[in-house]
Amino acid sequence: MTQQPYQPPQPPVPPAPVAKKPNPLTSKPVIGIAALIVGLILGTVVGGGSGKTATSVAGAAPTVTVTATETATYEATDGSTDDGTDGSSTGSISKGDFAIKLKITAKQCFGSAGCNVTTKATVSYVGSGSVSDLPSSITITYKIKGAEDPYTATIEMEDGEYSPDIANIGTKRSSDKLTAVITDVESS
């Protein structure tokens, strides 16, 4: 008989690790997509197309108020006397020939931190002539008073037609009233 060389005992083989099933709600792609969706929604609601940014107080619980029918109409004046000869008009039209209407389409308030307000500005011709007598291209500049930051925009009217201006505005307090004022009218 031949003798086998001595072999020391081998340590036991550890069991193969059991694969942990990933939670589909905490996977990186799902979290990334959810963050993207939330960011887009907040960017649309808060930032809109106005280029303004909203600020809020950390930890403040928001109180949401949505108003879809609040309407205010403001004549085309900015507090000065307007006889159409102050240099803010071109040709035969002036800012007094137009009225602007500011409709509040959404309002989200944050307690004492103010509100985010979405507005829709529309203009109407209130001059003495006919709309068909207007120049083919008119630029109406207006500003919104009562906003936390100054807001000025233009509405381009072509052949009597235009698209209303939608703006996302921040206010310092929920009681602040927004007003629209036509500041200039130009035709070409």
N, C-alpha and C. Protein backbone atom coordinates (compact mmCIF):
# COMPACT_ATOMS: atom_id res chain seq x y z
N MET A 1 0.78 -1.15 0.00
CA MET A 1 0.00 0.00 0.00
C MET A 1 0.84 1.24 0.00
N THR A 2 0.44 2.07 -0.78
CA THR A 2 1.19 3.31 -0.81
C THR A 2 0.47 4.32 0.06
N GLN A 3 1.26 5.03 0.68
CA GLN A 3 0.69 6.00 1.59
C GLN A 3 0.56 7.36 0.89
N GLN A 4 -0.62 7.96 1.10
CA GLN A 4 -0.92 9.26 0.53
C GLN A 4 -0.27 10.33 1.41
N PRO A 5 0.22 11.41 0.77
CA PRO A 5 0.80 12.48 1.60
C PRO A 5 -0.33 13.14 2.41
N TYR A 6 0.07 13.69 3.53
CA TYR A 6 -0.88 14.32 4.43
C TYR A 6 -1.43 15.61 3.80
N GLN A 7 -2.76 15.75 3.82
CA GLN A 7 -3.43 16.95 3.34
C GLN A 7 -4.23 17.54 4.49
N PRO A 8 -3.95 18.83 4.78
CA PRO A 8 -4.69 19.45 5.90
C PRO A 8 -6.17 19.62 5.52
N PRO A 9 -7.04 19.65 6.50
CA PRO A 9 -8.47 19.81 6.21
C PRO A 9 -8.74 21.19 5.56
N GLN A 10 -9.65 21.21 4.61
CA GLN A 10 -10.03 22.44 3.89
C GLN A 10 -11.15 23.14 4.65
N PRO A 11 -11.08 24.50 4.68
CA PRO A 11 -12.17 25.21 5.34
C PRO A 11 -13.46 25.04 4.54
N PRO A 12 -14.60 25.13 5.20
CA PRO A 12 -15.85 24.93 4.47
C PRO A 12 -16.06 26.06 3.44
N VAL A 13 -16.69 25.73 2.35
CA VAL A 13 -16.97 26.68 1.29
C VAL A 13 -18.18 27.51 1.73
N PRO A 14 -18.03 28.90 1.71
CA PRO A 14 -19.17 29.71 2.13
C PRO A 14 -20.30 29.58 1.12
N PRO A 15 -21.53 29.68 1.60
CA PRO A 15 -22.67 29.56 0.68
C PRO A 15 -22.68 30.75 -0.29
N ALA A 16 -23.19 30.53 -1.46
CA ALA A 16 -23.28 31.58 -2.47
C ALA A 16 -24.25 32.65 -1.96
N PRO A 17 -23.87 33.94 -2.15
CA PRO A 17 -24.77 35.00 -1.66
C PRO A 17 -26.11 34.95 -2.40
N VAL A 18 -27.15 35.18 -1.63
CA VAL A 18 -28.50 35.20 -2.19
C VAL A 18 -28.71 36.58 -2.80
N ALA A 19 -29.11 36.60 -4.05
CA ALA A 19 -29.32 37.87 -4.74
C ALA A 19 -30.53 38.58 -4.14
N LYS A 20 -30.29 39.83 -3.71
CA LYS A 20 -31.36 40.63 -3.13
C LYS A 20 -32.18 41.22 -4.26
N LYS A 21 -33.47 41.07 -4.19
CA LYS A 21 -34.37 41.58 -5.21
C LYS A 21 -34.47 43.10 -5.05
N PRO A 22 -34.14 43.89 -6.10
CA PRO A 22 -34.21 45.34 -5.97
C PRO A 22 -35.66 45.83 -5.87
N ASN A 23 -35.83 46.87 -5.06
CA ASN A 23 -37.14 47.50 -4.94
C ASN A 23 -37.34 48.39 -6.16
N PRO A 24 -38.38 48.14 -6.95
CA PRO A 24 -38.56 48.93 -8.17
C PRO A 24 -38.81 50.41 -7.91
N LEU A 25 -39.29 50.79 -6.72
CA LEU A 25 -39.57 52.19 -6.43
C LEU A 25 -38.32 52.97 -6.02
N THR A 26 -37.25 52.27 -5.64
CA THR A 26 -36.04 52.96 -5.22
C THR A 26 -34.89 52.78 -6.20
N SER A 27 -35.16 52.23 -7.35
CA SER A 27 -34.08 52.09 -8.33
C SER A 27 -33.70 53.46 -8.87
N LYS A 28 -32.45 53.61 -9.25
CA LYS A 28 -31.94 54.90 -9.71
C LYS A 28 -32.71 55.45 -10.92
N PRO A 29 -33.04 54.64 -11.92
CA PRO A 29 -33.79 55.21 -13.05
C PRO A 29 -35.16 55.73 -12.64
N VAL A 30 -35.86 55.03 -11.76
CA VAL A 30 -37.19 55.46 -11.35
C VAL A 30 -37.10 56.76 -10.56
N ILE A 31 -36.13 56.87 -9.66
CA ILE A 31 -35.96 58.09 -8.88
C ILE A 31 -35.59 59.25 -9.80
N GLY A 32 -34.73 59.01 -10.76
CA GLY A 32 -34.33 60.05 -11.71
C GLY A 32 -35.50 60.54 -12.54
N ILE A 33 -36.32 59.63 -13.02
CA ILE A 33 -37.49 60.02 -13.83
C ILE A 33 -38.48 60.80 -12.97
N ALA A 34 -38.71 60.34 -11.74
CA ALA A 34 -39.63 61.05 -10.84
C ALA A 34 -39.12 62.46 -10.55
N ALA A 35 -37.82 62.60 -10.32
CA ALA A 35 -37.24 63.93 -10.06
C ALA A 35 -37.38 64.83 -11.29
N LEU A 36 -37.20 64.27 -12.47
CA LEU A 36 -37.35 65.04 -13.70
C LEU A 36 -38.79 65.54 -13.86
N ILE A 37 -39.76 64.66 -13.61
CA ILE A 37 -41.17 65.03 -13.75
C ILE A 37 -41.53 66.13 -12.75
N VAL A 38 -41.11 65.97 -11.49
CA VAL A 38 -41.39 66.98 -10.48
C VAL A 38 -40.74 68.30 -10.86
N GLY A 39 -39.51 68.26 -11.36
CA GLY A 39 -38.82 69.48 -11.78
C GLY A 39 -39.53 70.17 -12.92
N LEU A 40 -40.01 69.40 -13.90
CA LEU A 40 -40.73 70.01 -15.01
C LEU A 40 -42.04 70.65 -14.56
N ILE A 41 -42.75 69.96 -13.68
CA ILE A 41 -44.01 70.50 -13.18
C ILE A 41 -43.75 71.78 -12.40
N LEU A 42 -42.78 71.77 -11.50
CA LEU A 42 -42.47 72.97 -10.72
C LEU A 42 -41.96 74.08 -11.62
N GLY A 43 -41.17 73.76 -12.60
CA GLY A 43 -40.67 74.77 -13.52
C GLY A 43 -41.78 75.41 -14.31
N THR A 44 -42.76 74.61 -14.70
CA THR A 44 -43.90 75.14 -15.45
C THR A 44 -44.79 75.98 -14.56
N VAL A 45 -45.11 75.48 -13.37
CA VAL A 45 -46.02 76.18 -12.47
C VAL A 45 -45.37 77.42 -11.88
N VAL A 46 -44.13 77.29 -11.41
CA VAL A 46 -43.48 78.39 -10.72
C VAL A 46 -42.80 79.33 -11.70
N GLY A 47 -42.02 78.80 -12.61
CA GLY A 47 -41.23 79.65 -13.48
C GLY A 47 -41.91 80.07 -14.73
N GLY A 48 -42.75 79.20 -15.28
CA GLY A 48 -43.43 79.54 -16.52
C GLY A 48 -42.49 80.02 -17.57
N GLY A 49 -42.96 80.89 -18.50
CA GLY A 49 -42.13 81.43 -19.55
C GLY A 49 -41.69 82.85 -19.25
N SER A 50 -41.88 83.33 -18.03
CA SER A 50 -41.59 84.73 -17.77
C SER A 50 -40.15 84.99 -17.41
N GLY A 51 -39.37 83.95 -17.14
CA GLY A 51 -38.00 84.16 -16.73
C GLY A 51 -37.88 84.56 -15.28
N LYS A 52 -38.93 84.59 -14.54
CA LYS A 52 -38.92 84.96 -13.14
C LYS A 52 -38.71 83.70 -12.31
N THR A 53 -38.13 83.85 -11.14
CA THR A 53 -38.00 82.74 -10.23
C THR A 53 -38.79 83.04 -8.98
N ALA A 54 -39.32 82.00 -8.38
CA ALA A 54 -40.11 82.17 -7.18
C ALA A 54 -39.26 81.79 -5.97
N THR A 55 -39.51 82.42 -4.86
CA THR A 55 -38.81 82.08 -3.63
C THR A 55 -39.85 81.69 -2.60
N SER A 56 -39.44 80.81 -1.71
CA SER A 56 -40.35 80.42 -0.64
C SER A 56 -39.55 80.25 0.63
N VAL A 57 -40.24 80.26 1.76
CA VAL A 57 -39.60 80.10 3.05
C VAL A 57 -39.49 78.61 3.32
N ALA A 58 -38.28 78.15 3.67
CA ALA A 58 -38.07 76.74 3.94
C ALA A 58 -38.90 76.31 5.13
N GLY A 59 -39.56 75.19 4.99
CA GLY A 59 -40.34 74.63 6.07
C GLY A 59 -41.75 75.17 6.16
N ALA A 60 -42.08 76.17 5.40
CA ALA A 60 -43.43 76.72 5.47
C ALA A 60 -44.38 75.79 4.72
N ALA A 61 -45.45 75.42 5.37
CA ALA A 61 -46.44 74.57 4.72
C ALA A 61 -47.29 75.41 3.80
N PRO A 62 -47.37 75.04 2.52
CA PRO A 62 -48.13 75.88 1.59
C PRO A 62 -49.64 75.75 1.78
N THR A 63 -50.30 76.85 1.60
CA THR A 63 -51.75 76.88 1.53
C THR A 63 -52.08 77.16 0.08
N VAL A 64 -52.80 76.28 -0.55
CA VAL A 64 -53.07 76.41 -1.98
C VAL A 64 -54.45 77.00 -2.20
N THR A 65 -54.49 78.05 -2.99
CA THR A 65 -55.74 78.67 -3.39
C THR A 65 -55.71 78.80 -4.89
N VAL A 66 -56.67 78.22 -5.59
CA VAL A 66 -56.72 78.32 -7.03
C VAL A 66 -57.99 79.08 -7.40
N THR A 67 -57.80 80.14 -8.17
CA THR A 67 -58.92 80.96 -8.62
C THR A 67 -58.90 81.00 -10.12
N ALA A 68 -60.00 80.67 -10.76
CA ALA A 68 -60.01 80.63 -12.21
C ALA A 68 -60.90 81.70 -12.82
N THR A 69 -61.57 82.48 -12.02
CA THR A 69 -62.52 83.44 -12.60
C THR A 69 -62.29 84.87 -12.15
N GLU A 70 -61.24 85.14 -11.41
CA GLU A 70 -60.99 86.50 -10.94
C GLU A 70 -60.55 87.35 -12.12
N THR A 71 -61.27 88.40 -12.41
CA THR A 71 -61.00 89.24 -13.57
C THR A 71 -60.96 90.70 -13.15
N ALA A 72 -60.00 91.43 -13.71
CA ALA A 72 -59.92 92.86 -13.46
C ALA A 72 -59.62 93.56 -14.78
N THR A 73 -60.26 94.68 -15.02
CA THR A 73 -60.01 95.45 -16.23
C THR A 73 -59.44 96.79 -15.83
N TYR A 74 -58.41 97.22 -16.53
CA TYR A 74 -57.75 98.47 -16.20
C TYR A 74 -57.60 99.28 -17.47
N GLU A 75 -57.93 100.53 -17.37
CA GLU A 75 -57.79 101.41 -18.52
C GLU A 75 -56.32 101.65 -18.79
N ALA A 76 -56.04 102.08 -19.98
CA ALA A 76 -54.67 102.28 -20.42
C ALA A 76 -54.13 103.60 -19.90
N THR A 77 -53.79 103.60 -18.62
CA THR A 77 -53.18 104.80 -18.05
C THR A 77 -52.21 104.36 -16.97
N ASP A 78 -51.17 105.11 -16.79
CA ASP A 78 -50.19 104.78 -15.76
C ASP A 78 -50.14 105.84 -14.67
N GLY A 79 -51.21 106.58 -14.51
CA GLY A 79 -51.28 107.59 -13.48
C GLY A 79 -51.00 108.99 -14.01
N SER A 80 -50.40 109.09 -15.19
CA SER A 80 -50.14 110.41 -15.75
C SER A 80 -51.31 110.77 -16.66
N THR A 81 -51.42 112.06 -16.98
CA THR A 81 -52.47 112.45 -17.91
C THR A 81 -52.08 111.95 -19.28
N ASP A 82 -53.01 111.35 -19.97
CA ASP A 82 -52.72 110.76 -21.26
C ASP A 82 -53.65 111.33 -22.30
N ASP A 83 -53.12 112.23 -23.09
CA ASP A 83 -53.91 112.76 -24.18
C ASP A 83 -53.40 112.25 -25.52
N GLY A 84 -52.50 111.26 -25.47
CA GLY A 84 -51.96 110.67 -26.69
C GLY A 84 -50.83 111.50 -27.28
N THR A 85 -50.37 112.55 -26.59
CA THR A 85 -49.32 113.40 -27.14
C THR A 85 -48.06 113.36 -26.30
N ASP A 86 -47.91 112.35 -25.45
CA ASP A 86 -46.75 112.30 -24.58
C ASP A 86 -45.57 111.56 -25.20
N GLY A 87 -45.61 111.30 -26.48
CA GLY A 87 -44.50 110.66 -27.17
C GLY A 87 -44.53 109.16 -27.07
N SER A 88 -45.52 108.56 -26.43
CA SER A 88 -45.54 107.12 -26.29
C SER A 88 -46.39 106.46 -27.37
N SER A 89 -46.71 107.15 -28.41
CA SER A 89 -47.47 106.55 -29.49
C SER A 89 -46.80 106.87 -30.81
N THR A 90 -47.15 106.11 -31.81
CA THR A 90 -46.59 106.31 -33.13
C THR A 90 -47.73 106.41 -34.12
N GLY A 91 -47.68 107.34 -35.04
CA GLY A 91 -48.72 107.45 -36.04
C GLY A 91 -50.01 107.95 -35.43
N SER A 92 -51.11 107.39 -35.89
CA SER A 92 -52.42 107.86 -35.45
C SER A 92 -52.98 107.06 -34.29
N ILE A 93 -52.23 106.14 -33.71
CA ILE A 93 -52.74 105.38 -32.56
C ILE A 93 -51.95 105.77 -31.32
N SER A 94 -52.58 105.61 -30.17
CA SER A 94 -51.91 105.90 -28.90
C SER A 94 -52.30 104.83 -27.89
N LYS A 95 -51.64 104.88 -26.74
CA LYS A 95 -51.96 103.89 -25.71
C LYS A 95 -53.38 104.06 -25.18
N GLY A 96 -53.96 105.25 -25.33
CA GLY A 96 -55.34 105.48 -24.92
C GLY A 96 -56.36 104.81 -25.84
N ASP A 97 -55.90 104.32 -27.00
CA ASP A 97 -56.79 103.63 -27.93
C ASP A 97 -57.00 102.16 -27.56
N PHE A 98 -56.30 101.70 -26.52
CA PHE A 98 -56.38 100.29 -26.13
C PHE A 98 -56.65 100.17 -24.64
N ALA A 99 -57.33 99.11 -24.26
CA ALA A 99 -57.54 98.76 -22.85
C ALA A 99 -56.93 97.39 -22.65
N ILE A 100 -56.46 97.12 -21.45
CA ILE A 100 -55.88 95.82 -21.14
C ILE A 100 -56.67 95.18 -20.01
N LYS A 101 -56.85 93.90 -20.12
CA LYS A 101 -57.61 93.13 -19.13
C LYS A 101 -56.66 92.07 -18.59
N LEU A 102 -56.55 91.97 -17.28
CA LEU A 102 -55.67 91.01 -16.62
C LEU A 102 -56.52 89.99 -15.88
N LYS A 103 -56.47 88.76 -16.32
CA LYS A 103 -57.25 87.70 -15.68
C LYS A 103 -56.32 86.80 -14.89
N ILE A 104 -56.69 86.52 -13.64
CA ILE A 104 -55.93 85.62 -12.79
C ILE A 104 -56.44 84.21 -13.10
N THR A 105 -55.57 83.36 -13.66
CA THR A 105 -55.99 82.01 -14.03
C THR A 105 -55.60 80.98 -12.98
N ALA A 106 -54.61 81.27 -12.14
CA ALA A 106 -54.23 80.37 -11.06
C ALA A 106 -53.52 81.18 -9.99
N LYS A 107 -53.68 80.74 -8.74
CA LYS A 107 -53.05 81.45 -7.62
C LYS A 107 -52.71 80.44 -6.54
N GLN A 108 -51.42 80.38 -6.18
CA GLN A 108 -50.97 79.47 -5.13
C GLN A 108 -50.27 80.30 -4.07
N CYS A 109 -50.83 80.31 -2.84
CA CYS A 109 -50.29 81.14 -1.77
C CYS A 109 -49.53 80.29 -0.76
N PHE A 110 -48.53 80.90 -0.13
CA PHE A 110 -47.67 80.22 0.83
C PHE A 110 -47.67 80.96 2.16
N GLY A 111 -48.82 81.12 2.75
CA GLY A 111 -48.92 81.81 4.04
C GLY A 111 -48.39 83.22 3.94
N SER A 112 -47.45 83.56 4.81
CA SER A 112 -46.90 84.92 4.82
C SER A 112 -45.83 85.12 3.75
N ALA A 113 -45.48 84.08 3.00
CA ALA A 113 -44.43 84.18 1.98
C ALA A 113 -44.95 84.71 0.65
N GLY A 114 -46.23 84.99 0.53
CA GLY A 114 -46.76 85.53 -0.71
C GLY A 114 -47.37 84.45 -1.58
N CYS A 115 -47.56 84.78 -2.86
CA CYS A 115 -48.25 83.88 -3.78
C CYS A 115 -47.53 83.81 -5.12
N ASN A 116 -47.75 82.71 -5.81
CA ASN A 116 -47.40 82.57 -7.22
C ASN A 116 -48.70 82.68 -7.99
N VAL A 117 -48.75 83.61 -8.93
CA VAL A 117 -49.98 83.91 -9.65
C VAL A 117 -49.72 83.76 -11.14
N THR A 118 -50.62 83.09 -11.84
CA THR A 118 -50.56 83.01 -13.29
C THR A 118 -51.61 83.96 -13.85
N THR A 119 -51.18 84.84 -14.75
CA THR A 119 -52.09 85.83 -15.31
C THR A 119 -52.18 85.67 -16.82
N LYS A 120 -53.28 86.15 -17.36
CA LYS A 120 -53.49 86.17 -18.81
C LYS A 120 -53.90 87.59 -19.17
N ALA A 121 -53.06 88.25 -19.97
CA ALA A 121 -53.33 89.64 -20.37
C ALA A 121 -53.92 89.66 -21.77
N THR A 122 -55.06 90.34 -21.91
CA THR A 122 -55.69 90.52 -23.21
C THR A 122 -55.91 92.01 -23.43
N VAL A 123 -55.87 92.43 -24.68
CA VAL A 123 -56.08 93.84 -25.01
C VAL A 123 -57.30 93.97 -25.91
N SER A 124 -57.89 95.15 -25.88
CA SER A 124 -59.00 95.44 -26.78
C SER A 124 -58.85 96.86 -27.29
N TYR A 125 -59.34 97.08 -28.49
CA TYR A 125 -59.29 98.39 -29.11
C TYR A 125 -60.50 99.18 -28.64
N VAL A 126 -60.25 100.36 -28.06
CA VAL A 126 -61.33 101.20 -27.56
C VAL A 126 -61.31 102.58 -28.23
N GLY A 127 -60.51 102.69 -29.29
CA GLY A 127 -60.39 103.96 -29.99
C GLY A 127 -61.65 104.30 -30.77
N SER A 128 -61.65 105.49 -31.37
CA SER A 128 -62.84 105.98 -32.05
C SER A 128 -63.00 105.41 -33.46
N GLY A 129 -61.94 104.93 -34.07
CA GLY A 129 -62.04 104.41 -35.42
C GLY A 129 -62.43 102.95 -35.44
N SER A 130 -62.36 102.37 -36.62
CA SER A 130 -62.67 100.96 -36.80
C SER A 130 -61.39 100.13 -36.65
N VAL A 131 -61.54 98.90 -36.16
CA VAL A 131 -60.39 98.01 -36.03
C VAL A 131 -59.75 97.79 -37.40
N SER A 132 -60.54 97.78 -38.44
CA SER A 132 -59.99 97.57 -39.79
C SER A 132 -59.12 98.74 -40.25
N ASP A 133 -59.24 99.90 -39.59
CA ASP A 133 -58.42 101.06 -39.94
C ASP A 133 -57.07 101.05 -39.23
N LEU A 134 -56.85 100.12 -38.32
CA LEU A 134 -55.59 100.06 -37.57
C LEU A 134 -54.44 99.66 -38.48
N PRO A 135 -53.21 100.06 -38.14
CA PRO A 135 -52.04 99.57 -38.89
C PRO A 135 -51.97 98.05 -38.80
N SER A 136 -51.32 97.43 -39.77
CA SER A 136 -51.30 95.96 -39.80
C SER A 136 -50.46 95.37 -38.68
N SER A 137 -49.46 96.07 -38.18
CA SER A 137 -48.59 95.55 -37.12
C SER A 137 -48.53 96.55 -35.97
N ILE A 138 -48.93 96.11 -34.79
CA ILE A 138 -48.94 96.98 -33.60
C ILE A 138 -48.26 96.23 -32.46
N THR A 139 -47.39 96.92 -31.73
CA THR A 139 -46.74 96.38 -30.55
C THR A 139 -47.26 97.15 -29.34
N ILE A 140 -47.86 96.43 -28.40
CA ILE A 140 -48.42 97.04 -27.19
C ILE A 140 -47.56 96.60 -26.01
N THR A 141 -46.93 97.55 -25.35
CA THR A 141 -46.10 97.26 -24.19
C THR A 141 -46.90 97.57 -22.93
N TYR A 142 -46.81 96.68 -21.96
CA TYR A 142 -47.54 96.90 -20.70
C TYR A 142 -46.70 96.42 -19.54
N LYS A 143 -47.07 96.87 -18.35
CA LYS A 143 -46.42 96.39 -17.14
C LYS A 143 -47.48 95.97 -16.14
N ILE A 144 -47.07 95.07 -15.25
CA ILE A 144 -47.96 94.61 -14.18
C ILE A 144 -47.47 95.21 -12.88
N LYS A 145 -48.34 95.96 -12.22
CA LYS A 145 -48.02 96.55 -10.92
C LYS A 145 -48.53 95.63 -9.82
N GLY A 146 -47.85 95.67 -8.67
CA GLY A 146 -48.24 94.85 -7.52
C GLY A 146 -47.46 93.56 -7.43
N ALA A 147 -46.61 93.29 -8.42
CA ALA A 147 -45.80 92.07 -8.41
C ALA A 147 -44.58 92.27 -7.52
N GLU A 148 -44.03 91.17 -7.04
CA GLU A 148 -42.83 91.23 -6.20
C GLU A 148 -41.66 91.81 -6.99
N ASP A 149 -41.51 91.40 -8.23
CA ASP A 149 -40.48 91.91 -9.12
C ASP A 149 -41.16 92.64 -10.27
N PRO A 150 -40.53 93.67 -10.82
CA PRO A 150 -41.15 94.38 -11.95
C PRO A 150 -41.38 93.42 -13.12
N TYR A 151 -42.51 93.56 -13.78
CA TYR A 151 -42.82 92.72 -14.94
C TYR A 151 -43.31 93.61 -16.07
N THR A 152 -42.61 93.57 -17.19
CA THR A 152 -42.99 94.30 -18.39
C THR A 152 -42.97 93.32 -19.55
N ALA A 153 -43.96 93.43 -20.43
CA ALA A 153 -44.04 92.52 -21.58
C ALA A 153 -44.67 93.26 -22.75
N THR A 154 -44.64 92.61 -23.90
CA THR A 154 -45.28 93.18 -25.09
C THR A 154 -46.24 92.17 -25.69
N ILE A 155 -47.25 92.70 -26.32
CA ILE A 155 -48.19 91.88 -27.09
C ILE A 155 -48.10 92.37 -28.53
N GLU A 156 -47.83 91.46 -29.43
CA GLU A 156 -47.71 91.78 -30.85
C GLU A 156 -49.05 91.52 -31.53
N MET A 157 -49.60 92.54 -32.16
CA MET A 157 -50.87 92.42 -32.86
C MET A 157 -50.61 92.53 -34.36
N GLU A 158 -51.04 91.52 -35.12
CA GLU A 158 -50.89 91.50 -36.57
C GLU A 158 -52.27 91.42 -37.19
N ASP A 159 -52.63 92.42 -37.98
CA ASP A 159 -53.93 92.47 -38.65
C ASP A 159 -55.08 92.29 -37.67
N GLY A 160 -54.96 92.89 -36.49
CA GLY A 160 -56.02 92.85 -35.50
C GLY A 160 -56.06 91.58 -34.66
N GLU A 161 -55.14 90.65 -34.88
CA GLU A 161 -55.12 89.39 -34.11
C GLU A 161 -53.84 89.29 -33.30
N TYR A 162 -53.92 88.64 -32.15
CA TYR A 162 -52.78 88.48 -31.27
C TYR A 162 -53.01 87.27 -30.37
N SER A 163 -51.95 86.86 -29.68
CA SER A 163 -52.07 85.81 -28.66
C SER A 163 -51.97 86.48 -27.30
N PRO A 164 -52.87 86.15 -26.37
CA PRO A 164 -52.78 86.74 -25.03
C PRO A 164 -51.44 86.39 -24.39
N ASP A 165 -50.95 87.27 -23.55
CA ASP A 165 -49.69 87.03 -22.85
C ASP A 165 -49.98 86.32 -21.53
N ILE A 166 -49.32 85.19 -21.31
CA ILE A 166 -49.44 84.43 -20.07
C ILE A 166 -48.19 84.71 -19.24
N ALA A 167 -48.37 85.09 -17.98
CA ALA A 167 -47.22 85.41 -17.13
C ALA A 167 -47.38 84.73 -15.77
N ASN A 168 -46.25 84.31 -15.22
CA ASN A 168 -46.21 83.78 -13.86
C ASN A 168 -45.54 84.83 -13.00
N ILE A 169 -46.29 85.35 -12.03
CA ILE A 169 -45.87 86.49 -11.23
C ILE A 169 -45.85 86.07 -9.76
N GLY A 170 -44.87 86.58 -9.02
CA GLY A 170 -44.83 86.38 -7.57
C GLY A 170 -45.29 87.64 -6.87
N THR A 171 -46.03 87.47 -5.77
CA THR A 171 -46.42 88.61 -4.94
C THR A 171 -45.84 88.43 -3.55
N LYS A 172 -45.64 89.54 -2.85
CA LYS A 172 -45.06 89.47 -1.50
C LYS A 172 -46.08 88.99 -0.47
N ARG A 173 -47.35 89.35 -0.68
CA ARG A 173 -48.42 88.99 0.26
C ARG A 173 -49.62 88.46 -0.53
N SER A 174 -50.41 87.64 0.11
CA SER A 174 -51.59 87.11 -0.57
C SER A 174 -52.62 88.20 -0.84
N SER A 175 -52.55 89.30 -0.12
CA SER A 175 -53.52 90.39 -0.30
C SER A 175 -53.11 91.36 -1.42
N ASP A 176 -51.92 91.21 -1.99
CA ASP A 176 -51.48 92.12 -3.05
C ASP A 176 -52.38 92.00 -4.27
N LYS A 177 -52.74 93.14 -4.85
CA LYS A 177 -53.57 93.19 -6.05
C LYS A 177 -52.68 93.49 -7.25
N LEU A 178 -52.88 92.76 -8.31
CA LEU A 178 -52.12 92.98 -9.55
C LEU A 178 -52.93 93.85 -10.49
N THR A 179 -52.28 94.81 -11.10
CA THR A 179 -52.93 95.67 -12.09
C THR A 179 -52.05 95.75 -13.34
N ALA A 180 -52.68 95.84 -14.48
CA ALA A 180 -51.95 95.95 -15.75
C ALA A 180 -52.13 97.37 -16.29
N VAL A 181 -51.04 97.91 -16.84
CA VAL A 181 -51.04 99.27 -17.36
C VAL A 181 -50.33 99.27 -18.72
N ILE A 182 -50.97 99.80 -19.73
CA ILE A 182 -50.31 99.94 -21.04
C ILE A 182 -49.36 101.13 -20.95
N THR A 183 -48.10 100.89 -21.32
CA THR A 183 -47.08 101.95 -21.22
C THR A 183 -46.68 102.50 -22.57
N ASP A 184 -46.91 101.74 -23.66
CA ASP A 184 -46.49 102.21 -24.97
C ASP A 184 -47.23 101.44 -26.06
N VAL A 185 -47.48 102.12 -27.17
CA VAL A 185 -48.07 101.49 -28.35
C VAL A 185 -47.29 101.98 -29.55
N GLU A 186 -46.82 101.05 -30.37
CA GLU A 186 -46.07 101.39 -31.57
C GLU A 186 -46.68 100.66 -32.75
N SER A 187 -46.66 101.30 -33.92
CA SER A 187 -47.14 100.63 -35.12
C SER A 187 -46.06 100.68 -36.18
N SER A 188 -46.14 99.73 -37.08
CA SER A 188 -45.16 99.71 -38.18
C SER A 188 -45.85 99.32 -39.48
